[in-house]
Protein backbone atom coordinates (compact mmCIF):
# COMPACT_ATOMS: atom_id res chain seq x y z
CA UNK A 1 0.19 -0.18 -0.08
CA UNK A 2 2.86 1.97 -0.53
CA UNK A 3 4.13 4.75 -3.13
CA UNK A 4 6.56 2.51 -4.89
CA UNK A 5 3.57 0.36 -5.15
CA UNK A 6 1.97 2.96 -7.06
CA UNK A 7 4.32 1.60 -10.47
CA UNK A 8 1.41 -1.57 -10.01
CA UNK A 9 -1.33 1.03 -11.05
CA UNK A 10 -0.13 2.49 -13.91
CA UNK A 11 -2.09 0.09 -16.41
CA UNK A 12 -5.00 1.64 -14.85
CA UNK A 13 -3.78 5.07 -14.34
CA UNK A 14 -3.03 5.84 -18.30
CA UNK A 15 -2.08 9.59 -18.74
CA UNK A 16 -1.71 9.62 -22.43
CA UNK A 17 0.30 11.85 -24.65
CA UNK A 18 -0.22 13.08 -27.75
CA UNK A 19 -1.35 16.42 -29.53
CA UNK A 20 -1.76 18.02 -33.26
CA UNK A 21 0.40 20.94 -34.10
CA UNK A 22 3.65 22.00 -36.02
CA UNK A 23 5.61 24.24 -34.24
CA UNK A 24 7.14 27.55 -35.43
CA UNK A 25 10.65 29.17 -33.78
CA UNK A 26 10.44 30.45 -30.08
CA UNK A 27 12.58 31.15 -27.39
CA UNK A 28 13.54 28.46 -24.62
CA UNK A 29 10.42 27.61 -22.65
CA UNK A 30 8.13 29.86 -24.82
CA UNK A 31 4.48 28.60 -25.70
CA UNK A 32 4.02 28.25 -29.28
CA UNK A 33 0.28 28.36 -31.07
CA UNK A 34 -0.19 26.01 -33.56
CA UNK A 35 0.31 27.03 -37.03
CA UNK A 36 -2.14 24.27 -38.85
CA UNK A 37 -3.96 21.34 -37.57
CA UNK A 38 -1.53 18.81 -39.26
CA UNK A 39 -1.10 16.31 -36.15
CA UNK A 40 2.84 15.94 -36.31
CA UNK A 41 2.44 12.67 -34.20
CA UNK A 42 0.06 10.82 -36.64
CA UNK A 43 0.58 7.21 -36.49
CA UNK A 44 1.54 4.17 -34.68
CA UNK A 45 4.07 4.45 -31.90
CA UNK A 46 5.62 1.46 -29.88
CA UNK A 47 6.85 1.74 -26.53
CA UNK A 48 10.70 0.52 -26.76
CA UNK A 49 11.90 0.85 -23.29
CA UNK A 50 11.68 2.77 -19.95
CA UNK A 51 14.41 5.36 -19.42
CA UNK A 52 13.97 5.83 -15.70
CA UNK A 53 16.34 3.66 -12.95
CA UNK A 54 13.67 3.08 -10.48
CA UNK A 55 12.00 -0.47 -12.23
CA UNK A 56 13.29 -3.70 -10.87
CA UNK A 57 11.70 -5.78 -14.17
CA UNK A 58 8.17 -5.94 -12.67
CA UNK A 59 5.45 -7.27 -14.25
CA UNK A 60 3.81 -3.96 -14.20
CA UNK A 61 7.30 -2.59 -16.30
CA UNK A 62 6.56 -5.62 -18.95
CA UNK A 63 3.18 -4.46 -19.88
CA UNK A 64 4.92 -1.25 -21.00
CA UNK A 65 7.34 -2.27 -23.23
CA UNK A 66 5.82 -2.78 -26.80
CA UNK A 67 2.55 -1.34 -26.09
CA UNK A 68 1.12 0.78 -28.95
CA UNK A 69 0.55 4.68 -28.74
CA UNK A 70 -1.62 5.66 -31.96
CA UNK A 71 -2.46 9.02 -32.80
CA UNK A 72 -5.29 9.68 -35.39
CA UNK A 73 -7.22 13.05 -36.21
CA UNK A 74 -8.66 14.34 -32.73
CA UNK A 75 -8.09 11.19 -30.97
CA UNK A 76 -5.46 9.17 -28.96
CA UNK A 77 -5.62 5.69 -28.31
CA UNK A 78 -3.38 3.42 -26.03
CA UNK A 79 -3.75 0.07 -23.60
CA UNK A 80 -7.47 -0.17 -25.08
CA UNK A 81 -8.60 3.46 -23.89
CA UNK A 82 -9.56 6.40 -26.44
CA UNK A 83 -9.51 9.89 -25.88
CA UNK A 84 -11.15 12.63 -28.08
CA UNK A 85 -11.65 16.53 -28.29
CA UNK A 86 -7.78 16.85 -28.01
CA UNK A 87 -6.16 20.11 -26.96
CA UNK A 88 -2.65 20.93 -26.90
CA UNK A 89 0.44 23.48 -25.96
CA UNK A 90 3.81 23.43 -27.35
CA UNK A 91 7.17 25.06 -25.90
CA UNK A 92 10.33 25.13 -27.17
CA UNK A 93 13.03 24.00 -24.69
CA UNK A 94 16.44 23.00 -23.95
CA UNK A 95 16.88 19.37 -24.12
CA UNK A 96 19.37 18.88 -21.92
CA UNK A 97 17.87 21.18 -19.24
CA UNK A 98 14.78 19.57 -19.65
CA UNK A 99 16.02 15.96 -19.05
CA UNK A 100 17.39 17.38 -16.15
CA UNK A 101 14.25 18.56 -14.45
CA UNK A 102 12.92 15.18 -15.33
CA UNK A 103 15.72 13.34 -13.65
CA UNK A 104 16.34 11.60 -16.59
CA UNK A 105 20.79 11.39 -17.67
CA UNK A 106 21.10 13.07 -20.91
CA UNK A 107 23.84 10.51 -21.72
CA UNK A 108 22.73 7.70 -24.24
CA UNK A 109 19.40 10.03 -25.73
CA UNK A 110 20.02 11.01 -29.07
CA UNK A 111 19.32 14.94 -28.85
CA UNK A 112 19.12 17.27 -31.95
CA UNK A 113 22.39 19.06 -32.18
CA UNK A 114 21.01 22.47 -31.59
CA UNK A 115 19.49 21.10 -28.46
CA UNK A 116 16.19 22.90 -29.03
CA UNK A 117 13.17 20.55 -28.67
CA UNK A 118 9.86 20.75 -28.87
CA UNK A 119 7.46 19.56 -25.78
CA UNK A 120 3.95 19.10 -26.13
CA UNK A 121 1.44 19.13 -23.11
CA UNK A 122 -1.71 17.39 -24.44
CA UNK A 123 -5.75 17.65 -22.83
CA UNK A 124 -8.71 16.19 -23.28
CA UNK A 125 -12.01 17.79 -23.00
CA UNK A 126 -9.53 20.66 -21.01
CA UNK A 127 -8.21 17.57 -19.09
CA UNK A 128 -4.79 16.98 -18.51
CA UNK A 129 -3.26 13.77 -20.78
CA UNK A 130 0.21 14.09 -20.42
CA UNK A 131 3.30 15.19 -22.27
CA UNK A 132 5.92 14.07 -24.62
CA UNK A 133 9.35 15.77 -25.94
CA UNK A 134 9.90 15.00 -29.62
CA UNK A 135 13.32 14.04 -30.17
CA UNK A 136 13.00 13.73 -34.33
CA UNK A 137 10.46 12.44 -36.36
CA UNK A 138 10.26 9.00 -35.55
CA UNK A 139 11.74 8.89 -31.91
CA UNK A 140 10.12 10.85 -28.81
CA UNK A 141 9.78 10.55 -25.09
CA UNK A 142 6.89 10.05 -23.12
CA UNK A 143 6.44 11.24 -19.43
CA UNK A 144 3.84 9.26 -17.77
CA UNK A 145 3.79 9.82 -13.79
CA UNK A 146 6.72 8.53 -12.81
CA UNK A 147 7.31 6.66 -15.46
CA UNK A 148 9.79 8.00 -18.78
CA UNK A 149 9.09 6.11 -21.95
CA UNK A 150 10.93 6.11 -25.20
CA UNK A 151 8.77 5.50 -28.10
CA UNK A 152 9.69 4.71 -31.81
CA UNK A 153 7.44 5.28 -34.81
CA UNK A 154 6.56 2.21 -36.60
CA UNK A 155 3.66 3.32 -39.00
CA UNK A 156 2.73 6.64 -40.45
CA UNK A 157 -1.03 5.61 -40.04
CA UNK A 158 -3.14 4.71 -37.07
CA UNK A 159 -4.97 1.36 -37.28
CA UNK A 160 -7.99 1.62 -39.44
CA UNK A 161 -10.26 0.36 -36.75
CA UNK A 162 -9.23 3.84 -34.65
CA UNK A 163 -11.83 5.62 -36.07
CA UNK A 164 -14.50 3.20 -35.30
CA UNK A 165 -13.45 3.57 -31.45
CA UNK A 166 -14.27 7.17 -31.57
CA UNK A 167 -18.22 5.86 -30.51
CA UNK A 168 -16.53 4.13 -27.54
CA UNK A 169 -14.01 7.20 -26.19
CA UNK A 170 -14.39 7.86 -22.40
CA UNK A 171 -14.30 11.03 -20.60
CA UNK A 172 -11.03 11.11 -18.21
CA UNK A 173 -13.12 12.45 -14.92
CA UNK A 174 -15.30 9.07 -15.28
CA UNK A 175 -12.02 7.28 -13.62
CA UNK A 176 -11.69 8.42 -9.79
CA UNK A 177 -8.31 7.02 -9.39
CA UNK A 178 -7.08 9.98 -12.17
CA UNK A 179 -8.39 12.88 -10.24
CA UNK A 180 -7.30 11.74 -6.41
CA UNK A 181 -4.17 12.84 -4.99
CA UNK A 182 -2.86 12.51 -1.52
CA UNK A 183 0.43 13.40 -0.25
CA UNK A 184 2.32 13.02 3.36
CA UNK A 185 4.15 16.37 4.13
CA UNK A 186 7.22 16.45 6.61
CA UNK A 187 7.83 19.50 8.12
CA UNK A 188 10.89 20.86 10.46
CA UNK A 189 9.92 23.88 12.47
CA UNK A 190 12.32 25.69 14.89
CA UNK A 191 12.22 25.84 18.32
CA UNK A 192 14.44 27.47 20.93
CA UNK A 193 17.88 26.24 19.75
CA UNK A 194 16.48 23.16 18.05
CA UNK A 195 13.57 22.14 15.79
CA UNK A 196 10.58 19.99 16.29
CA UNK A 197 8.60 17.93 13.28
CA UNK A 198 5.28 17.52 12.38
CA UNK A 199 3.52 15.24 9.68
CA UNK A 200 0.06 17.01 6.93
CA UNK A 201 -1.93 14.79 5.39
CA UNK A 202 -3.30 16.87 2.23
CA UNK A 203 -5.67 14.86 0.00
CA UNK A 204 -8.10 15.81 -2.98
CA UNK A 205 -10.61 14.06 -4.86
CA UNK A 206 -11.75 15.73 -7.80
CA UNK A 207 -10.83 18.98 -6.50
CA UNK A 208 -12.66 18.74 -3.01
CA UNK A 209 -10.51 18.63 -0.29
CA UNK A 210 -10.58 15.73 2.72
CA UNK A 211 -9.63 16.86 6.18
CA UNK A 212 -6.43 18.26 6.83
CA UNK A 213 -5.01 15.41 9.01
CA UNK A 214 -1.76 15.78 11.19
CA UNK A 215 0.92 14.30 13.66
CA UNK A 216 3.53 15.61 15.90
CA UNK A 217 5.73 12.70 14.67
CA UNK A 218 7.11 12.08 10.86
CA UNK A 219 5.28 9.09 9.32
CA UNK A 220 6.63 8.19 5.72
CA UNK A 221 6.09 5.55 3.64
CA UNK A 222 8.45 2.73 2.79
CA UNK A 223 8.14 -0.96 0.82
CA UNK A 224 7.76 -2.67 4.14
CA UNK A 225 5.29 -0.38 5.55
CA UNK A 226 4.69 2.99 7.01
CA UNK A 227 7.52 4.22 9.46
CA UNK A 228 8.12 6.62 12.32
CA UNK A 229 11.07 8.65 12.56
CA UNK A 230 11.91 9.98 15.57
CA UNK A 231 14.60 12.64 16.99
CA UNK A 232 15.13 12.21 20.71
CA UNK A 233 17.09 14.80 22.73
CA UNK A 234 19.37 13.61 25.26
CA UNK A 235 22.07 15.35 27.82
CA UNK A 236 25.02 13.05 29.26
CA UNK A 237 28.09 14.54 31.15
CA UNK A 238 26.95 17.77 30.36
CA UNK A 239 27.07 17.51 26.66
CA UNK A 240 23.99 17.54 25.19
CA UNK A 241 22.91 15.91 21.82
CA UNK A 242 20.06 13.58 19.99
CA UNK A 243 19.68 10.59 18.04
CA UNK A 244 17.87 9.71 15.29
CA UNK A 245 15.59 6.50 15.65
CA UNK A 246 13.12 4.46 12.78
CA UNK A 247 10.77 2.02 13.29
CA UNK A 248 8.05 0.47 11.12
CA UNK A 249 4.76 1.44 13.02
CA UNK A 250 3.71 -2.01 13.38
CA UNK A 251 6.85 -3.19 15.24
CA UNK A 252 6.35 -5.36 18.39
CA UNK A 253 7.07 -2.92 21.86
CA UNK A 254 9.57 -5.49 22.39
CA UNK A 255 11.24 -5.02 19.18
CA UNK A 256 11.28 -1.38 19.89
CA UNK A 257 13.17 -1.59 23.31
CA UNK A 258 15.52 -3.43 21.72
CA UNK A 259 16.20 -1.34 19.20
CA UNK A 260 16.50 1.67 21.54
CA UNK A 261 19.11 -0.37 23.46
CA UNK A 262 21.24 -0.60 20.58
CA UNK A 263 21.15 3.21 19.99
CA UNK A 264 21.86 3.95 23.47
CA UNK A 265 26.02 3.79 23.17
CA UNK A 266 25.57 6.38 20.45
CA UNK A 267 24.63 9.21 22.86
CA UNK A 268 27.93 8.74 24.71
CA UNK A 269 30.60 8.27 21.57
CA UNK A 270 28.82 10.44 19.46
CA UNK A 271 27.51 13.77 21.14
CA UNK A 272 26.13 15.57 18.06
CA UNK A 273 22.69 17.85 17.40
CA UNK A 274 21.30 16.35 14.29
CA UNK A 275 18.43 17.93 12.21
CA UNK A 276 16.90 16.69 9.34
CA UNK A 277 17.04 18.19 5.80
CA UNK A 278 14.77 15.30 3.90
CA UNK A 279 13.21 12.12 4.41
CA UNK A 280 12.96 9.64 1.56
CA UNK A 281 11.73 6.04 1.35
CA UNK A 282 15.41 4.67 2.39
CA UNK A 283 17.58 7.34 3.32
CA UNK A 284 17.93 10.52 5.35
CA UNK A 285 19.55 13.44 4.34
CA UNK A 286 20.76 15.86 7.78
CA UNK A 287 23.02 18.21 9.54
CA UNK A 288 25.18 17.34 12.33
CA UNK A 289 26.69 19.62 14.55
CA UNK A 290 30.18 18.40 16.53
CA UNK A 291 32.17 20.57 18.50
CA UNK A 292 30.83 23.77 16.36
CA UNK A 293 31.30 22.02 13.02
CA UNK A 294 28.32 21.64 11.15
CA UNK A 295 28.42 18.54 8.38
CA UNK A 296 26.10 17.11 5.82
CA UNK A 297 25.01 13.57 6.27
CA UNK A 298 23.21 10.96 4.19
CA UNK A 299 22.23 8.07 6.20
CA UNK A 300 20.19 4.57 5.43
CA UNK A 301 16.80 4.73 7.36
CA UNK A 302 17.39 0.97 8.58
CA UNK A 303 20.85 1.90 9.92
CA UNK A 304 20.48 5.60 11.24
CA UNK A 305 22.67 4.81 14.58
CA UNK A 306 25.57 3.20 12.50
CA UNK A 307 29.04 4.92 12.39
CA UNK A 308 29.32 4.67 9.03
CA UNK A 309 28.07 7.05 6.46
CA UNK A 310 26.93 6.65 3.46
CA UNK A 311 29.32 8.40 0.68
CA UNK A 312 28.94 10.08 -2.76
CA UNK A 313 30.25 6.68 -4.26
CA UNK A 314 27.64 4.41 -2.73
CA UNK A 315 24.89 6.14 -4.54
CA UNK A 316 26.44 7.76 -7.25
CA UNK A 317 29.50 5.45 -8.35
CA UNK A 318 32.96 6.11 -8.99
CA UNK A 319 31.86 8.63 -11.79
CA UNK A 320 29.90 10.50 -8.83
CA UNK A 321 32.73 10.74 -6.89
CA UNK A 322 34.87 11.96 -9.52
CA UNK A 323 32.39 14.92 -9.64
CA UNK A 324 32.19 15.19 -6.28
CA UNK A 325 36.18 15.92 -5.89
CA UNK A 326 36.63 17.94 -9.19
CA UNK A 327 33.69 20.16 -8.05
CA UNK A 328 34.95 20.49 -4.28
CA UNK A 329 38.41 21.14 -5.91
CA UNK A 330 36.95 24.46 -7.46
CA UNK A 331 35.28 25.65 -4.29
CA UNK A 332 38.40 24.86 -2.41
CA UNK A 333 40.95 26.62 -4.44
CA UNK A 334 38.21 29.88 -4.76
CA UNK A 335 38.50 29.82 -0.54
CA UNK A 336 42.38 29.70 -0.96
CA UNK A 337 42.38 32.55 -3.16
CA UNK A 338 40.54 34.76 -0.36
CA UNK A 339 43.48 33.62 2.11
CA UNK A 340 41.70 30.55 3.72
CA UNK A 341 44.17 27.98 4.93
CA UNK A 342 42.70 25.71 7.46
CA UNK A 343 40.72 23.73 5.47
CA UNK A 344 39.09 20.26 6.28
CA UNK A 345 39.99 17.50 3.97
CA UNK A 346 37.06 14.88 2.54
CA UNK A 347 38.83 12.44 -0.20
CA UNK A 348 36.06 10.00 0.47
CA UNK A 349 33.08 11.97 -0.52
CA UNK A 350 31.12 11.97 2.84
CA UNK A 351 30.13 15.76 3.39
CA UNK A 352 26.97 16.06 0.74
CA UNK A 353 23.53 16.41 1.36
CA UNK A 354 20.37 17.66 -0.33
CA UNK A 355 19.06 21.29 -0.38
CA UNK A 356 15.82 22.54 -1.97
CA UNK A 357 15.77 25.22 -4.75
CA UNK A 358 12.95 26.65 -6.87
CA UNK A 359 10.72 23.46 -6.26
CA UNK A 360 13.21 20.68 -6.40
CA UNK A 361 15.97 18.84 -4.83
CA UNK A 362 19.57 19.19 -5.58
CA UNK A 363 22.58 17.73 -4.45
CA UNK A 364 25.69 19.75 -2.75
CA UNK A 365 28.80 18.98 -1.09
CA UNK A 366 30.03 21.05 2.13
CA UNK A 367 33.50 22.31 2.94
CA UNK A 368 34.00 22.96 6.48
CA UNK A 369 36.96 25.44 7.58
CA UNK A 370 38.03 27.79 9.84
CA UNK A 371 38.50 31.63 9.51
CA UNK A 372 39.99 33.88 11.93
CA UNK A 373 39.57 30.79 14.54
CA UNK A 374 35.89 30.46 13.68
CA UNK A 375 34.27 27.44 12.16
CA UNK A 376 32.45 28.16 9.12
CA UNK A 377 31.25 26.34 5.90
CA UNK A 378 30.85 26.82 2.33
CA UNK A 379 28.46 24.34 -0.18
CA UNK A 380 28.66 23.53 -3.74
CA UNK A 381 26.26 22.16 -6.31
CA UNK A 382 27.40 18.65 -7.47
CA UNK A 383 25.24 19.36 -10.48
CA UNK A 384 24.52 15.70 -10.50
CA UNK A 385 20.73 14.31 -10.95
CA UNK A 386 19.76 12.31 -7.48
CA UNK A 387 19.06 8.93 -8.19
CA UNK A 388 16.02 7.15 -7.64
CA UNK A 389 16.70 5.07 -4.80
CA UNK A 390 17.25 8.53 -3.18
CA UNK A 391 14.49 10.51 -4.71
CA UNK A 392 11.75 8.52 -6.12
CA UNK A 393 9.59 11.66 -7.35
CA UNK A 394 10.02 15.29 -7.41
CA UNK A 395 8.61 16.57 -10.45
CA UNK A 396 7.27 20.14 -10.57
CA UNK A 397 4.63 19.98 -13.76
CA UNK A 398 4.33 24.15 -13.24
CA UNK A 399 7.50 26.23 -14.13
CA UNK A 400 9.01 27.96 -11.29
CA UNK A 401 8.56 31.32 -13.21
CA UNK A 402 4.23 30.48 -13.44
CA UNK A 403 4.38 29.64 -10.00
CA UNK A 404 6.36 33.11 -8.72
CA UNK A 405 3.93 34.73 -11.35
CA UNK A 406 0.81 33.86 -9.32
CA UNK A 407 2.32 33.25 -5.93
CA UNK A 408 5.20 36.48 -5.92
CA UNK A 409 6.36 35.30 -2.24
CA UNK A 410 6.63 31.50 -2.72
CA UNK A 411 9.48 29.92 -1.68
CA UNK A 412 8.60 26.47 -2.45
CA UNK A 413 6.14 23.92 -4.27
CA UNK A 414 5.13 20.75 -4.64
CA UNK A 415 2.83 19.14 -7.52
CA UNK A 416 1.01 15.77 -7.57
CA UNK A 417 2.03 12.89 -10.37
CA UNK A 418 -1.70 13.08 -11.48
CA UNK A 419 -0.75 16.79 -12.19
CA UNK A 420 -4.31 18.19 -10.29
CA UNK A 421 -2.83 19.58 -7.20
CA UNK A 422 -0.22 21.67 -5.99
CA UNK A 423 1.00 22.75 -2.50
CA UNK A 424 2.88 26.14 -2.49
CA UNK A 425 4.77 27.16 0.48
CA UNK A 426 5.40 30.92 1.65
CA UNK A 427 6.68 31.80 4.36
CA UNK A 428 4.26 31.37 6.88
CA UNK A 429 1.46 29.50 4.79
CA UNK A 430 0.77 26.50 3.01
CA UNK A 431 -1.69 26.84 0.17
CA UNK A 432 -3.35 24.17 -1.85
CA UNK A 433 -4.25 25.21 -5.57
CA UNK A 434 -6.03 22.77 -7.75
CA UNK A 435 -3.99 22.74 -11.30
CA UNK A 436 -5.74 23.26 -14.78
CA UNK A 437 -4.21 24.07 -18.45
CA UNK A 438 -0.72 24.32 -17.14
CA UNK A 439 -1.08 26.70 -14.39
CA UNK A 440 -2.62 26.91 -10.70
CA UNK A 441 -6.00 27.41 -10.39
CA UNK A 442 -7.11 31.49 -9.63
CA UNK A 443 -8.61 30.73 -6.70
CA UNK A 444 -7.04 27.89 -3.94
CA UNK A 445 -8.70 25.21 -2.43
CA UNK A 446 -7.36 25.97 1.55
CA UNK A 447 -4.68 27.37 3.15
CA UNK A 448 -2.83 26.44 6.37
CA UNK A 449 -0.55 28.40 8.48
CA UNK A 450 2.97 27.42 9.02
CA UNK A 451 5.21 28.65 11.99
CA UNK A 452 7.33 31.33 10.31
CA UNK A 453 10.75 29.06 9.67
CA UNK A 454 9.22 26.06 8.87
CA UNK A 455 10.54 24.04 6.14
CA UNK A 456 9.34 21.18 4.03
CA UNK A 457 11.59 18.01 4.80
CA UNK A 458 9.38 15.32 2.79
CA UNK A 459 6.58 15.16 0.52
CA UNK A 460 5.40 11.50 -0.20
CA UNK A 461 2.52 11.21 -2.72
CA UNK A 462 -0.40 8.36 -3.22
CA UNK A 463 -2.68 8.86 -6.37
CA UNK A 464 -5.90 6.65 -6.94
CA UNK A 465 -6.90 4.06 -4.59
CA UNK A 466 -4.03 4.28 -2.31
CA UNK A 467 -5.10 7.66 -1.37
CA UNK A 468 -7.60 6.16 0.67
CA UNK A 469 -5.23 3.47 2.05
CA UNK A 470 -2.61 6.11 3.33
CA UNK A 471 -5.11 8.21 4.79
CA UNK A 472 -6.62 5.56 6.75
CA UNK A 473 -3.34 4.25 7.97
CA UNK A 474 -2.35 7.61 8.96
CA UNK A 475 -5.71 7.76 11.21
CA UNK A 476 -4.72 4.51 12.47
CA UNK A 477 -1.48 5.71 13.70
CA UNK A 478 -3.20 8.42 15.80
CA UNK A 479 -3.18 11.32 13.11
CA UNK A 480 -6.05 14.23 14.07
CA UNK A 481 -8.29 16.56 11.42
CA UNK A 482 -6.57 19.72 11.82
CA UNK A 483 -9.60 22.48 13.02
CA UNK A 484 -11.40 24.41 10.73
CA UNK A 485 -9.26 27.81 12.26
CA UNK A 486 -6.13 25.91 11.02
CA UNK A 487 -7.62 25.23 7.64
CA UNK A 488 -9.29 28.24 5.73
CA UNK A 489 -11.24 26.83 2.92
CA UNK A 490 -11.22 29.27 0.08
């Protein structure tokens, strides 16, 4: 009943991509009006392979490869479904930059030498179907929820029976799974010299908001069930710090006590203050402060108390480590140019983590140094796509520029795999917007007050029938509905 299991629902959550327009020249990201009604995707296409790395050869995966997508005048067909009343928008983008936003490595994909490609967003009866990036006249990439599919054109004509199927077209709104989304949002909030944490549940069914639920603990999904992450403050021998523990919420009490005993020794040997920057299914990114030095760490959820840290090479391989060391070398050189000489070494690539920028997670490395007897730090960008085992889903279906136009004080934003809702965070509010026609709706569904300084450290999405399952699990865990004074309906 977890988010990764959503892959098994893909045949039932079809987001079909297609469109009919020739594109004219335009600057990067600009919307291009159609010049005529000739369909550039007309014909029959076959799924050659999946480009994302999160698949493990499951049965759901096998169903995609070899599937056909067909485009006829005014209709799109896929997996036995037909959509009509097609409309579309085209934008010109830089291929490499766009693939990076989709977390697809550009290497191995043949893009035009000009780097300029068309991305077409398609709607059926004003409902979002999906988008594709056209590489050339015979190949394109389909972006379907968390799947990125490479297609090859096999015929200039759709099957002759496609026209007859128009009498059996279906409205996307008839499938409730397509317009039902929910998200577990983890929050870190300042309190004194430290932080407290909270989990929110926001769910929307056909633009109708469910009661917003909240818990004072961090509750998150994994393949083994729902888990809880705790931050326990401890003081010993005049030293203060905290430890992180995580458990399956179904874990028996005796097993919980045993796990706590195993982490107790950590307090005495490593009296550090830790605060959480990011929570994923299998990894946690933290900042660890010891004796005035603030370092970044990535830890496995299963071994939060282990003294062994995750290295860049563990997640990104040797190429990732080389990129890390190269970027660090340039950052160190810049510090030395400023006269800094006392700089910590890090040949193994352990001082790295994640930060949020413009609605996405980015990998960064950190350099700790001393200047004038004071411990200081500086971060540098790795410019490497976070791997799927670190970040499962982090797609922003609206451009950051679009979001800032509508909400000028926006500091962060998250959008659902169904492309139906967006959460926009400002300094002290979290606003829930419906999404329509590639933009935030004029009016939000609701807004929640946030403590000033609150930071989103987790956004785990469920769609379709999993929304009800997650909501019931969160309620069973002990979550409570927020009051009407905390959630203002608009």
